[in-house]
Amino acid sequence: MTKRKHAILSDVGRVREANEDSCLVIPEQGVYIVADGMGGHNCGDVASQITVSAMRSFYEDDELTVRLKEHFKRRRKNKIKGTPSSFDEFRLGRAVESANRSVFTTAQRIPGHEDMGTTVIAAVVGKGRIFLGNVGDSRAYRIRGQRIAQLSEDHSLANEYIRMNILRKEDVRDFPYKNVIVRALGLNPQVEVDTLSRPCKPGDIYLLCSDGLTDLIEDDQIRDIVCASKGDLGRAAEGLVAAANECGGIDNITVVLVRISEEEG
């Protein structure tokens, strides 16, 4: 199996009164999740909490896992379009979809919660690979050696404009609608989940984070802080949160760091 270590830290920041981020680690299954409740909607903290709770229940339900494996095998056998080649990636996408249904159902049932929503970025570390699932603009990064790479794609208005050549990437920080997202959990009964799979290597460090970090800290600064920690993930997490707060701390800040150590068995 792939050996790994992790650190997790969430901070309210310097402006917000409450923390609408939620995070979760299930070490025995290699599952890591960050959800950022949407501050412009009602009860964003509730939406993010429901998301991590629903995904925990999904991964801890052994009977569901058995049924899901059979469903995955049938899809692969019948060559159904859009079926991932890996069960881990398939399962992760279904887990996020399950969280979306939980948030949406609660929003429709409880008065005052109608417009709540949340982003989510989730990772599963398997044997020699990492699987990612995301909705919204919370991000996943890989730090390998002295290089940092964003692995997830933002579901944001700014990113859509970049893709259409309306906006340059270097101008995003001054874009007045940079925090407008075009996809989130809980706003509709169904949601499109982006999933991907990448090989991982010993020494890789993966960062899952809310936009309270990335709105204020450039990618190169994230890399420098993580590399300066020399493998101390707790120190790296504290450094990232402190840097965001030093830049104003205008939003909640959540980071989950995972380091791949080696293969065994």
C-alpha atoms as a PDB file:
ATOM      1  CA  MET A   1       0.000   0.000   0.000  1.00  0.00           C
ATOM      2  CA  THR A   2       1.018   3.627  -0.313  1.00  0.00           C
ATOM      3  CA  LYS A   3       2.369   5.065   2.939  1.00  0.00           C
ATOM      4  CA  ARG A   4       1.413   8.634   3.638  1.00  0.00           C
ATOM      5  CA  LYS A   5       1.305  11.295   6.334  1.00  0.00           C
ATOM      6  CA  HIS A   6      -1.033  14.254   6.598  1.00  0.00           C
ATOM      7  CA  ALA A   7      -1.680  17.538   8.376  1.00  0.00           C
ATOM      8  CA  ILE A   8      -4.941  19.455   8.531  1.00  0.00           C
ATOM      9  CA  LEU A   9      -5.642  23.023   9.643  1.00  0.00           C
ATOM     10  CA  SER A  10      -8.653  25.325   9.349  1.00  0.00           C
ATOM     11  CA  ASP A  11      -8.780  28.957  10.436  1.00  0.00           C
ATOM     12  CA  VAL A  12     -11.591  31.519  10.496  1.00  0.00           C
ATOM     13  CA  GLY A  13      -9.285  34.253   9.148  1.00  0.00           C
ATOM     14  CA  ARG A  14      -9.299  37.878  10.213  1.00  0.00           C
ATOM     15  CA  VAL A  15     -12.578  39.144   8.775  1.00  0.00           C
ATOM     16  CA  ARG A  16     -15.284  36.483   8.952  1.00  0.00           C
ATOM     17  CA  GLU A  17     -17.136  35.837  12.199  1.00  0.00           C
ATOM     18  CA  ALA A  18     -17.692  32.130  11.531  1.00  0.00           C
ATOM     19  CA  ASN A  19     -15.827  29.365   9.740  1.00  0.00           C
ATOM     20  CA  GLU A  20     -17.904  28.005   6.852  1.00  0.00           C
ATOM     21  CA  ASP A  21     -15.169  25.579   5.754  1.00  0.00           C
ATOM     22  CA  SER A  22     -15.278  21.909   6.727  1.00  0.00           C
ATOM     23  CA  CYS A  23     -12.625  19.248   6.275  1.00  0.00           C
ATOM     24  CA  LEU A  24     -12.285  15.529   6.798  1.00  0.00           C
ATOM     25  CA  VAL A  25      -9.603  12.850   6.780  1.00  0.00           C
ATOM     26  CA  ILE A  26     -10.325   9.113   6.779  1.00  0.00           C
ATOM     27  CA  PRO A  27      -6.754   7.802   7.166  1.00  0.00           C
ATOM     28  CA  GLU A  28      -7.524   4.108   6.829  1.00  0.00           C
ATOM     29  CA  GLN A  29      -9.107   4.693   3.420  1.00  0.00           C
ATOM     30  CA  GLY A  30      -6.745   7.420   2.240  1.00  0.00           C
ATOM     31  CA  VAL A  31      -9.602   9.919   1.875  1.00  0.00           C
ATOM     32  CA  TYR A  32      -9.073  13.681   2.255  1.00  0.00           C
ATOM     33  CA  ILE A  33     -11.778  16.344   1.805  1.00  0.00           C
ATOM     34  CA  VAL A  34     -12.116  20.135   1.957  1.00  0.00           C
ATOM     35  CA  ALA A  35     -15.522  21.811   1.538  1.00  0.00           C
ATOM     36  CA  ASP A  36     -16.012  25.587   1.452  1.00  0.00           C
ATOM     37  CA  GLY A  37     -19.543  26.729   2.268  1.00  0.00           C
ATOM     38  CA  MET A  38     -20.649  29.497  -0.037  1.00  0.00           C
ATOM     39  CA  GLY A  39     -20.501  32.765   1.874  1.00  0.00           C
ATOM     40  CA  GLY A  40     -22.985  34.476  -0.418  1.00  0.00           C
ATOM     41  CA  HIS A  41     -25.654  31.889   0.312  1.00  0.00           C
ATOM     42  CA  ASN A  42     -27.593  30.898   3.400  1.00  0.00           C
ATOM     43  CA  CYS A  43     -26.015  28.459   5.839  1.00  0.00           C
ATOM     44  CA  GLY A  44     -22.799  27.774   3.984  1.00  0.00           C
ATOM     45  CA  ASP A  45     -21.361  26.171   7.113  1.00  0.00           C
ATOM     46  CA  VAL A  46     -24.276  23.727   7.187  1.00  0.00           C
ATOM     47  CA  ALA A  47     -23.735  22.823   3.537  1.00  0.00           C
ATOM     48  CA  SER A  48     -20.036  22.102   4.016  1.00  0.00           C
ATOM     49  CA  GLN A  49     -20.685  20.067   7.169  1.00  0.00           C
ATOM     50  CA  ILE A  50     -23.351  18.006   5.406  1.00  0.00           C
ATOM     51  CA  THR A  51     -20.914  17.368   2.558  1.00  0.00           C
ATOM     52  CA  VAL A  52     -18.120  15.917   4.673  1.00  0.00           C
ATOM     53  CA  SER A  53     -20.610  13.953   6.789  1.00  0.00           C
ATOM     54  CA  ALA A  54     -22.309  12.465   3.721  1.00  0.00           C
ATOM     55  CA  MET A  55     -18.978  11.503   2.182  1.00  0.00           C
ATOM     56  CA  ARG A  56     -17.803   9.894   5.417  1.00  0.00           C
ATOM     57  CA  SER A  57     -21.003   7.830   5.549  1.00  0.00           C
ATOM     58  CA  PHE A  58     -20.574   6.887   1.889  1.00  0.00           C
ATOM     59  CA  TYR A  59     -17.044   5.567   2.420  1.00  0.00           C
ATOM     60  CA  GLU A  60     -17.841   3.785   5.673  1.00  0.00           C
ATOM     61  CA  ASP A  61     -20.867   1.893   4.303  1.00  0.00           C
ATOM     62  CA  ASP A  62     -19.506  -1.582   3.494  1.00  0.00           C
ATOM     63  CA  GLU A  63     -22.745  -2.841   1.926  1.00  0.00           C
ATOM     64  CA  LEU A  64     -22.876   0.174  -0.360  1.00  0.00           C
ATOM     65  CA  THR A  65     -19.272  -0.441  -1.402  1.00  0.00           C
ATOM     66  CA  VAL A  66     -20.120  -4.014  -2.451  1.00  0.00           C
ATOM     67  CA  ARG A  67     -23.123  -2.844  -4.495  1.00  0.00           C
ATOM     68  CA  LEU A  68     -21.092  -0.061  -6.047  1.00  0.00           C
ATOM     69  CA  LYS A  69     -18.361  -2.474  -7.117  1.00  0.00           C
ATOM     70  CA  GLU A  70     -20.918  -4.635  -8.885  1.00  0.00           C
ATOM     71  CA  HIS A  71     -22.407  -1.594 -10.569  1.00  0.00           C
ATOM     72  CA  PHE A  72     -18.939  -0.487 -11.681  1.00  0.00           C
ATOM     73  CA  LYS A  73     -18.179  -3.927 -13.125  1.00  0.00           C
ATOM     74  CA  ARG A  74     -21.430  -3.924 -15.119  1.00  0.00           C
ATOM     75  CA  ARG A  75     -20.710  -0.480 -16.524  1.00  0.00           C
ATOM     76  CA  ARG A  76     -17.208  -1.520 -17.543  1.00  0.00           C
ATOM     77  CA  LYS A  77     -18.479  -4.772 -19.087  1.00  0.00           C
ATOM     78  CA  ASN A  78     -21.137  -2.905 -21.064  1.00  0.00           C
ATOM     79  CA  LYS A  79     -18.609  -0.206 -22.028  1.00  0.00           C
ATOM     80  CA  ILE A  80     -20.854   2.602 -20.806  1.00  0.00           C
ATOM     81  CA  LYS A  81     -19.476   5.964 -21.867  1.00  0.00           C
ATOM     82  CA  GLY A  82     -17.962   8.064 -19.110  1.00  0.00           C
ATOM     83  CA  THR A  83     -17.100   5.149 -16.814  1.00  0.00           C
ATOM     84  CA  PRO A  84     -13.597   5.628 -15.347  1.00  0.00           C
ATOM     85  CA  SER A  85     -11.074   2.830 -15.697  1.00  0.00           C
ATOM     86  CA  SER A  86     -10.542   2.716 -11.917  1.00  0.00           C
ATOM     87  CA  PHE A  87     -13.070   1.834  -9.221  1.00  0.00           C
ATOM     88  CA  ASP A  88     -11.464   4.382  -6.867  1.00  0.00           C
ATOM     89  CA  GLU A  89     -12.155   7.207  -9.298  1.00  0.00           C
ATOM     90  CA  PHE A  90     -15.681   5.933  -9.981  1.00  0.00           C
ATOM     91  CA  ARG A  91     -16.411   5.660  -6.259  1.00  0.00           C
ATOM     92  CA  LEU A  92     -15.095   9.151  -5.569  1.00  0.00           C
ATOM     93  CA  GLY A  93     -17.381  10.680  -8.181  1.00  0.00           C
ATOM     94  CA  ARG A  94     -20.367   8.851  -6.706  1.00  0.00           C
ATOM     95  CA  ALA A  95     -19.427   9.994  -3.203  1.00  0.00           C
ATOM     96  CA  VAL A  96     -19.479  13.644  -4.291  1.00  0.00           C
ATOM     97  CA  GLU A  97     -22.812  13.103  -6.061  1.00  0.00           C
ATOM     98  CA  SER A  98     -24.186  11.608  -2.852  1.00  0.00           C
ATOM     99  CA  ALA A  99     -23.062  14.678  -0.913  1.00  0.00           C
ATOM    100  CA  ASN A 100     -24.772  16.918  -3.467  1.00  0.00           C
ATOM    101  CA  ARG A 101     -28.070  15.072  -2.983  1.00  0.00           C
ATOM    102  CA  SER A 102     -27.765  15.390   0.792  1.00  0.00           C
ATOM    103  CA  VAL A 103     -27.151  19.142   0.640  1.00  0.00           C
ATOM    104  CA  PHE A 104     -29.891  19.725  -1.938  1.00  0.00           C
ATOM    105  CA  THR A 105     -32.466  17.637  -0.035  1.00  0.00           C
ATOM    106  CA  THR A 106     -31.745  19.452   3.220  1.00  0.00           C
ATOM    107  CA  ALA A 107     -31.918  22.834   1.489  1.00  0.00           C
ATOM    108  CA  GLN A 108     -35.346  22.048   0.078  1.00  0.00           C
ATOM    109  CA  ARG A 109     -36.689  20.644   3.332  1.00  0.00           C
ATOM    110  CA  ILE A 110     -35.660  23.291   5.859  1.00  0.00           C
ATOM    111  CA  PRO A 111     -36.945  26.872   5.560  1.00  0.00           C
ATOM    112  CA  GLY A 112     -34.165  29.431   5.263  1.00  0.00           C
ATOM    113  CA  HIS A 113     -31.714  26.944   3.775  1.00  0.00           C
ATOM    114  CA  GLU A 114     -32.975  27.085   0.186  1.00  0.00           C
ATOM    115  CA  ASP A 115     -29.911  28.659  -1.399  1.00  0.00           C
ATOM    116  CA  MET A 116     -27.101  27.074   0.598  1.00  0.00           C
ATOM    117  CA  GLY A 117     -24.240  25.514  -1.297  1.00  0.00           C
ATOM    118  CA  THR A 118     -20.626  24.486  -1.044  1.00  0.00           C
ATOM    119  CA  THR A 119     -17.555  23.690  -3.074  1.00  0.00           C
ATOM    120  CA  VAL A 120     -15.661  20.450  -2.532  1.00  0.00           C
ATOM    121  CA  ILE A 121     -12.221  19.110  -3.376  1.00  0.00           C
ATOM    122  CA  ALA A 122     -11.557  15.503  -2.406  1.00  0.00           C
ATOM    123  CA  ALA A 123      -8.646  13.117  -2.850  1.00  0.00           C
ATOM    124  CA  VAL A 124      -8.197   9.395  -2.457  1.00  0.00           C
ATOM    125  CA  VAL A 125      -4.679   7.976  -2.331  1.00  0.00           C
ATOM    126  CA  GLY A 126      -4.488   4.440  -3.689  1.00  0.00           C
ATOM    127  CA  LYS A 127      -1.585   2.190  -4.604  1.00  0.00           C
ATOM    128  CA  GLY A 128       0.720   4.442  -6.579  1.00  0.00           C
ATOM    129  CA  ARG A 129      -2.028   6.823  -7.660  1.00  0.00           C
ATOM    130  CA  ILE A 130      -4.058   9.752  -6.398  1.00  0.00           C
ATOM    131  CA  PHE A 131      -7.675  10.285  -7.436  1.00  0.00           C
ATOM    132  CA  LEU A 132      -9.284  13.716  -7.287  1.00  0.00           C
ATOM    133  CA  GLY A 133     -12.878  14.902  -7.426  1.00  0.00           C
ATOM    134  CA  ASN A 134     -13.970  18.520  -7.352  1.00  0.00           C
ATOM    135  CA  VAL A 135     -16.887  20.889  -7.772  1.00  0.00           C
ATOM    136  CA  GLY A 136     -16.306  24.627  -7.446  1.00  0.00           C
ATOM    137  CA  ASP A 137     -13.059  26.518  -6.897  1.00  0.00           C
ATOM    138  CA  SER A 138     -11.426  24.794  -3.945  1.00  0.00           C
ATOM    139  CA  ARG A 139      -8.157  23.416  -5.279  1.00  0.00           C
ATOM    140  CA  ALA A 140      -5.713  20.525  -5.331  1.00  0.00           C
ATOM    141  CA  TYR A 141      -1.987  21.061  -5.874  1.00  0.00           C
ATOM    142  CA  ARG A 142       0.987  18.746  -6.189  1.00  0.00           C
ATOM    143  CA  ILE A 143       4.420  19.821  -4.961  1.00  0.00           C
ATOM    144  CA  ARG A 144       7.055  17.552  -6.487  1.00  0.00           C
ATOM    145  CA  GLY A 145      10.618  18.586  -5.760  1.00  0.00           C
ATOM    146  CA  GLN A 146      10.745  22.347  -6.343  1.00  0.00           C
ATOM    147  CA  ARG A 147       7.757  22.416  -8.682  1.00  0.00           C
ATOM    148  CA  ILE A 148       4.117  23.115  -7.933  1.00  0.00           C
ATOM    149  CA  ALA A 149       1.214  22.209 -10.221  1.00  0.00           C
ATOM    150  CA  GLN A 150      -2.493  22.873  -9.841  1.00  0.00           C
ATOM    151  CA  LEU A 151      -4.249  19.576 -10.556  1.00  0.00           C
ATOM    152  CA  SER A 152      -7.888  20.614 -10.236  1.00  0.00           C
ATOM    153  CA  GLU A 153      -9.730  23.044 -12.503  1.00  0.00           C
ATOM    154  CA  ASP A 154     -11.695  25.953 -11.028  1.00  0.00           C
ATOM    155  CA  HIS A 155     -15.391  26.028 -11.837  1.00  0.00           C
ATOM    156  CA  SER A 156     -15.441  29.812 -11.714  1.00  0.00           C
ATOM    157  CA  LEU A 157     -16.567  32.677 -13.909  1.00  0.00           C
ATOM    158  CA  ALA A 158     -12.968  33.899 -14.083  1.00  0.00           C
ATOM    159  CA  ASN A 159     -11.751  30.541 -15.364  1.00  0.00           C
ATOM    160  CA  GLU A 160     -14.531  30.433 -17.955  1.00  0.00           C
ATOM    161  CA  TYR A 161     -13.450  33.866 -19.175  1.00  0.00           C
ATOM    162  CA  ILE A 162      -9.838  32.694 -19.387  1.00  0.00           C
ATOM    163  CA  ARG A 163     -10.893  29.712 -21.487  1.00  0.00           C
ATOM    164  CA  MET A 164     -12.791  32.048 -23.826  1.00  0.00           C
ATOM    165  CA  ASN A 165      -9.785  34.405 -24.063  1.00  0.00           C
ATOM    166  CA  ILE A 166     -11.808  37.210 -22.486  1.00  0.00           C
ATOM    167  CA  LEU A 167      -9.568  37.414 -19.431  1.00  0.00           C
ATOM    168  CA  ARG A 168      -5.837  36.848 -18.985  1.00  0.00           C
ATOM    169  CA  LYS A 169      -4.701  34.613 -16.128  1.00  0.00           C
ATOM    170  CA  GLU A 170      -2.426  37.345 -14.780  1.00  0.00           C
ATOM    171  CA  ASP A 171      -5.424  39.693 -14.469  1.00  0.00           C
ATOM    172  CA  VAL A 172      -7.588  37.371 -12.359  1.00  0.00           C
ATOM    173  CA  ARG A 173      -6.660  38.974  -9.023  1.00  0.00           C
ATOM    174  CA  ASP A 174      -8.113  42.303 -10.189  1.00  0.00           C
ATOM    175  CA  PHE A 175     -11.208  40.748 -11.784  1.00  0.00           C
ATOM    176  CA  PRO A 176     -14.227  42.011  -9.758  1.00  0.00           C
ATOM    177  CA  TYR A 177     -16.136  38.729 -10.090  1.00  0.00           C
ATOM    178  CA  LYS A 178     -13.261  36.318  -9.397  1.00  0.00           C
ATOM    179  CA  ASN A 179     -15.203  34.639  -6.550  1.00  0.00           C
ATOM    180  CA  VAL A 180     -18.269  33.859  -8.658  1.00  0.00           C
ATOM    181  CA  ILE A 181     -18.449  30.116  -9.166  1.00  0.00           C
ATOM    182  CA  VAL A 182     -20.421  28.390 -11.898  1.00  0.00           C
ATOM    183  CA  ARG A 183     -20.764  24.986 -10.259  1.00  0.00           C
ATOM    184  CA  ALA A 184     -21.422  24.000  -6.623  1.00  0.00           C
ATOM    185  CA  LEU A 185     -22.972  21.293  -4.489  1.00  0.00           C
ATOM    186  CA  GLY A 186     -26.535  21.669  -3.273  1.00  0.00           C
ATOM    187  CA  LEU A 187     -27.995  24.081  -5.818  1.00  0.00           C
ATOM    188  CA  ASN A 188     -29.512  21.420  -8.081  1.00  0.00           C
ATOM    189  CA  PRO A 189     -30.569  17.780  -7.629  1.00  0.00           C
ATOM    190  CA  GLN A 190     -27.709  16.656  -9.874  1.00  0.00           C
ATOM    191  CA  VAL A 191     -24.198  17.987 -10.310  1.00  0.00           C
ATOM    192  CA  GLU A 192     -21.330  17.397 -12.716  1.00  0.00           C
ATOM    193  CA  VAL A 193     -18.236  16.194 -10.877  1.00  0.00           C
ATOM    194  CA  ASP A 194     -14.746  16.502 -12.358  1.00  0.00           C
ATOM    195  CA  THR A 195     -12.606  13.464 -11.532  1.00  0.00           C
ATOM    196  CA  LEU A 196      -9.078  12.597 -12.527  1.00  0.00           C
ATOM    197  CA  SER A 197      -6.310  10.155 -11.713  1.00  0.00           C
ATOM    198  CA  ARG A 198      -2.581  10.840 -11.517  1.00  0.00           C
ATOM    199  CA  PRO A 199       0.440   8.685 -10.599  1.00  0.00           C
ATOM    200  CA  CYS A 200       2.054   9.654  -7.314  1.00  0.00           C
ATOM    201  CA  LYS A 201       5.670   9.235  -6.256  1.00  0.00           C
ATOM    202  CA  PRO A 202       7.488   9.035  -2.927  1.00  0.00           C
ATOM    203  CA  GLY A 203       8.207  12.592  -1.796  1.00  0.00           C
ATOM    204  CA  ASP A 204       5.126  14.086  -3.463  1.00  0.00           C
ATOM    205  CA  ILE A 205       3.143  16.497  -1.307  1.00  0.00           C
ATOM    206  CA  TYR A 206      -0.494  17.161  -2.164  1.00  0.00           C
ATOM    207  CA  LEU A 207      -2.382  20.204  -0.949  1.00  0.00           C
ATOM    208  CA  LEU A 208      -6.163  20.522  -0.793  1.00  0.00           C
ATOM    209  CA  CYS A 209      -7.336  24.009   0.119  1.00  0.00           C
ATOM    210  CA  SER A 210     -10.182  26.493   0.121  1.00  0.00           C
ATOM    211  CA  ASP A 211      -9.941  29.761  -1.803  1.00  0.00           C
ATOM    212  CA  GLY A 212      -9.242  31.630   1.422  1.00  0.00           C
ATOM    213  CA  LEU A 213      -5.664  30.550   0.753  1.00  0.00           C
ATOM    214  CA  THR A 214      -5.389  30.824  -3.025  1.00  0.00           C
ATOM    215  CA  ASP A 215      -7.138  34.201  -3.315  1.00  0.00           C
ATOM    216  CA  LEU A 216      -4.309  35.719  -1.290  1.00  0.00           C
ATOM    217  CA  ILE A 217      -1.237  33.551  -1.830  1.00  0.00           C
ATOM    218  CA  GLU A 218       0.424  32.948  -5.185  1.00  0.00           C
ATOM    219  CA  ASP A 219       1.298  29.401  -6.234  1.00  0.00           C
ATOM    220  CA  ASP A 220       5.045  30.052  -6.013  1.00  0.00           C
ATOM    221  CA  GLN A 221       4.667  31.296  -2.443  1.00  0.00           C
ATOM    222  CA  ILE A 222       2.689  28.169  -1.551  1.00  0.00           C
ATOM    223  CA  ARG A 223       5.528  26.075  -2.968  1.00  0.00           C
ATOM    224  CA  ASP A 224       8.182  28.025  -1.079  1.00  0.00           C
ATOM    225  CA  ILE A 225       6.375  27.686   2.259  1.00  0.00           C
ATOM    226  CA  VAL A 226       5.827  23.957   1.818  1.00  0.00           C
ATOM    227  CA  CYS A 227       9.401  23.315   0.664  1.00  0.00           C
ATOM    228  CA  ALA A 228      10.835  25.392   3.523  1.00  0.00           C
ATOM    229  CA  SER A 229       9.075  23.125   6.016  1.00  0.00           C
ATOM    230  CA  LYS A 230      11.399  20.260   4.943  1.00  0.00           C
ATOM    231  CA  GLY A 231       8.695  17.606   5.243  1.00  0.00           C
ATOM    232  CA  ASP A 232       7.127  18.909   8.465  1.00  0.00           C
ATOM    233  CA  LEU A 233       3.520  19.043   7.268  1.00  0.00           C
ATOM    234  CA  GLY A 234       2.205  20.647  10.456  1.00  0.00           C
ATOM    235  CA  ARG A 235       4.716  23.457  10.098  1.00  0.00           C
ATOM    236  CA  ALA A 236       3.797  23.846   6.422  1.00  0.00           C
ATOM    237  CA  ALA A 237       0.080  24.066   7.230  1.00  0.00           C
ATOM    238  CA  GLU A 238       0.701  26.699   9.896  1.00  0.00           C
ATOM    239  CA  GLY A 239       2.906  28.659   7.508  1.00  0.00           C
ATOM    240  CA  LEU A 240       0.283  28.681   4.764  1.00  0.00           C
ATOM    241  CA  VAL A 241      -2.489  29.842   7.096  1.00  0.00           C
ATOM    242  CA  ALA A 242      -0.240  32.500   8.640  1.00  0.00           C
ATOM    243  CA  ALA A 243       0.723  33.823   5.185  1.00  0.00           C
ATOM    244  CA  ALA A 244      -2.925  34.149   4.166  1.00  0.00           C
ATOM    245  CA  ASN A 245      -3.746  35.965   7.385  1.00  0.00           C
ATOM    246  CA  GLU A 246      -0.780  38.284   6.913  1.00  0.00           C
ATOM    247  CA  CYS A 247      -2.249  39.204   3.527  1.00  0.00           C
ATOM    248  CA  GLY A 248      -5.550  40.188   5.123  1.00  0.00           C
ATOM    249  CA  GLY A 249      -7.233  36.900   6.045  1.00  0.00           C
ATOM    250  CA  ILE A 250     -10.393  38.028   4.265  1.00  0.00           C
ATOM    251  CA  ASP A 251     -11.896  34.532   4.160  1.00  0.00           C
ATOM    252  CA  ASN A 252     -11.779  31.247   6.026  1.00  0.00           C
ATOM    253  CA  ILE A 253      -8.597  29.297   5.304  1.00  0.00           C
ATOM    254  CA  THR A 254      -8.434  25.507   5.225  1.00  0.00           C
ATOM    255  CA  VAL A 255      -5.500  23.335   4.168  1.00  0.00           C
ATOM    256  CA  VAL A 256      -4.996  19.582   4.058  1.00  0.00           C
ATOM    257  CA  LEU A 257      -1.482  18.382   3.236  1.00  0.00           C
ATOM    258  CA  VAL A 258      -0.653  14.781   2.310  1.00  0.00           C
ATOM    259  CA  ARG A 259       2.897  13.482   1.795  1.00  0.00           C
ATOM    260  CA  ILE A 260       3.613  10.224  -0.007  1.00  0.00           C
ATOM    261  CA  SER A 261       6.485   8.406   1.685  1.00  0.00           C
ATOM    262  CA  GLU A 262       6.960   5.033   0.011  1.00  0.00           C
ATOM    263  CA  GLU A 263       5.388   1.859  -1.308  1.00  0.00           C
ATOM    264  CA  GLU A 264       5.283  -1.235   0.853  1.00  0.00           C
ATOM    265  CA  GLY A 265       3.914  -4.718   0.614  1.00  0.00           C
END
